[in-house]
Amino acid sequence: MEVTKEFTFDSAHKLPKYDGPCGNMHGHTYKLQVTVRGEIDQIKGMVVDFVKLKDVVKKEVIDKIDHTILNDILYCPTAEFMTIWIKDVLIHSFQKDKFIISKIKLWETPTSFATWRIND
């Protein structure tokens, strides 16, 4: 079973090796989806409590990047590198849980996004 929680945040960045307007500082309203996969707990009836998922993602990811300059965290904060960074942070944060992070999807604009998926 997979379950997904969605988040939004606002951040600014510039792409240091990009020859075009995105090489200048600019901002985005990002949308993030975090999907976890696991067995349904037969007593609680869920893979993970959405409240726990929200709290951990907010503390470990959103609070660190919302209303920030992303270049202070990643040298080249493309949607692709940000997605990998988020995946790495969350895999570490949930390493003791009975579920796994199976997909991270990050929209930089309403029509442009990067997706990381666990290899099945």
Protein backbone atom coordinates (compact mmCIF):
# COMPACT_ATOMS: atom_id res chain seq x y z
CA MET A 1 0.00 0.00 0.00
CA GLU A 2 1.22 3.51 -0.77
CA VAL A 3 0.05 6.72 0.88
CA THR A 4 0.96 10.28 -0.09
CA LYS A 5 1.07 13.61 1.71
CA GLU A 6 1.32 16.92 -0.13
CA PHE A 7 3.07 20.12 0.95
CA THR A 8 3.78 23.58 -0.46
CA PHE A 9 6.58 26.01 0.28
CA ASP A 10 8.10 29.17 -1.17
CA SER A 11 11.81 29.55 -1.85
CA ALA A 12 14.23 31.45 -4.04
CA HIS A 13 17.24 30.19 -5.96
CA LYS A 14 19.53 30.78 -8.87
CA LEU A 15 21.16 28.18 -11.06
CA PRO A 16 24.88 29.02 -11.06
CA LYS A 17 25.84 27.22 -14.28
CA TYR A 18 22.68 28.10 -16.22
CA ASP A 19 23.01 30.42 -19.21
CA GLY A 20 19.62 32.11 -19.14
CA PRO A 21 17.20 33.94 -16.86
CA CYS A 22 17.20 31.15 -14.24
CA GLY A 23 20.83 32.03 -13.58
CA ASN A 24 19.44 35.08 -11.77
CA MET A 25 17.85 34.94 -8.33
CA HIS A 26 14.13 34.17 -8.61
CA GLY A 27 11.42 32.49 -6.57
CA HIS A 28 8.92 29.65 -6.86
CA THR A 29 5.99 28.25 -4.98
CA TYR A 30 6.90 24.57 -4.86
CA LYS A 31 4.58 21.63 -4.39
CA LEU A 32 6.00 18.48 -2.81
CA GLN A 33 4.45 15.02 -2.65
CA VAL A 34 5.97 12.41 -0.36
CA THR A 35 4.81 8.83 -0.90
CA VAL A 36 5.55 5.98 1.48
CA ARG A 37 4.98 2.27 0.97
CA GLY A 38 4.35 -0.39 3.55
CA GLU A 39 2.00 -2.95 4.98
CA ILE A 40 -1.23 -1.79 6.57
CA ASP A 41 -1.05 -2.16 10.35
CA GLN A 42 -3.99 -4.47 11.03
CA ILE A 43 -4.72 -2.85 14.39
CA LYS A 44 -4.38 0.83 13.44
CA GLY A 45 -5.58 0.31 9.87
CA MET A 46 -2.87 2.49 8.31
CA VAL A 47 0.61 2.38 6.80
CA VAL A 48 1.60 5.58 8.60
CA ASP A 49 -0.33 8.18 10.52
CA PHE A 50 -0.66 11.20 8.20
CA VAL A 51 0.01 13.44 11.22
CA LYS A 52 3.38 11.76 11.81
CA LEU A 53 4.26 11.97 8.11
CA LYS A 54 3.33 15.66 8.07
CA ASP A 55 5.22 16.47 11.26
CA VAL A 56 8.45 14.78 10.15
CA VAL A 57 8.43 16.23 6.62
CA LYS A 58 7.67 19.68 8.02
CA LYS A 59 10.44 19.50 10.63
CA GLU A 60 13.13 17.84 8.50
CA VAL A 61 12.44 19.45 5.11
CA ILE A 62 9.85 22.24 4.91
CA ASP A 63 11.07 24.21 7.94
CA LYS A 64 14.61 24.17 6.48
CA ILE A 65 13.73 25.39 2.98
CA ASP A 66 10.52 27.44 3.23
CA HIS A 67 11.18 31.15 2.61
CA THR A 68 14.91 30.58 2.17
CA ILE A 69 17.52 30.92 -0.51
CA LEU A 70 18.01 27.33 -1.63
CA ASN A 71 21.60 28.01 -2.75
CA ASP A 72 22.47 28.19 0.96
CA ILE A 73 21.58 24.47 1.18
CA LEU A 74 22.52 23.14 -2.27
CA TYR A 75 25.11 24.60 -4.64
CA CYS A 76 22.90 23.90 -7.66
CA PRO A 77 19.30 23.73 -6.42
CA THR A 78 17.60 22.35 -9.50
CA ALA A 79 14.35 20.46 -9.04
CA GLU A 80 16.31 17.27 -9.67
CA PHE A 81 18.98 17.90 -7.00
CA MET A 82 16.37 19.17 -4.55
CA THR A 83 14.32 16.00 -5.03
CA ILE A 84 17.38 13.84 -4.28
CA TRP A 85 18.23 15.95 -1.22
CA ILE A 86 14.65 15.61 0.11
CA LYS A 87 14.70 11.85 -0.52
CA ASP A 88 18.01 11.46 1.35
CA VAL A 89 16.80 13.52 4.33
CA LEU A 90 13.55 11.56 4.61
CA ILE A 91 15.08 8.12 4.16
CA HIS A 92 17.38 8.95 7.07
CA SER A 93 14.50 10.40 9.15
CA PHE A 94 12.29 7.32 8.68
CA GLN A 95 14.97 4.62 8.78
CA LYS A 96 13.52 3.02 11.94
CA ASP A 97 9.94 2.91 10.65
CA LYS A 98 8.18 -0.07 9.07
CA PHE A 99 7.53 1.74 5.79
CA ILE A 100 9.83 3.08 3.09
CA ILE A 101 9.92 6.28 1.08
CA SER A 102 8.83 5.11 -2.36
CA LYS A 103 8.39 8.36 -4.31
CA ILE A 104 9.25 12.04 -4.05
CA LYS A 105 7.65 14.42 -6.54
CA LEU A 106 8.61 18.09 -6.55
CA TRP A 107 6.88 20.70 -8.72
CA GLU A 108 8.93 23.83 -9.39
CA THR A 109 6.08 25.35 -11.39
CA PRO A 110 2.52 24.11 -12.00
CA THR A 111 3.70 22.36 -15.17
CA SER A 112 7.31 21.33 -14.36
CA PHE A 113 8.38 18.72 -11.84
CA ALA A 114 11.01 16.12 -10.95
CA THR A 115 10.23 12.64 -9.64
CA TRP A 116 12.38 10.15 -7.74
CA ARG A 117 11.06 6.58 -7.36
CA ILE A 118 12.45 3.65 -5.48
CA ASN A 119 13.60 0.87 -7.79
CA ASP A 120 11.17 -2.04 -7.52
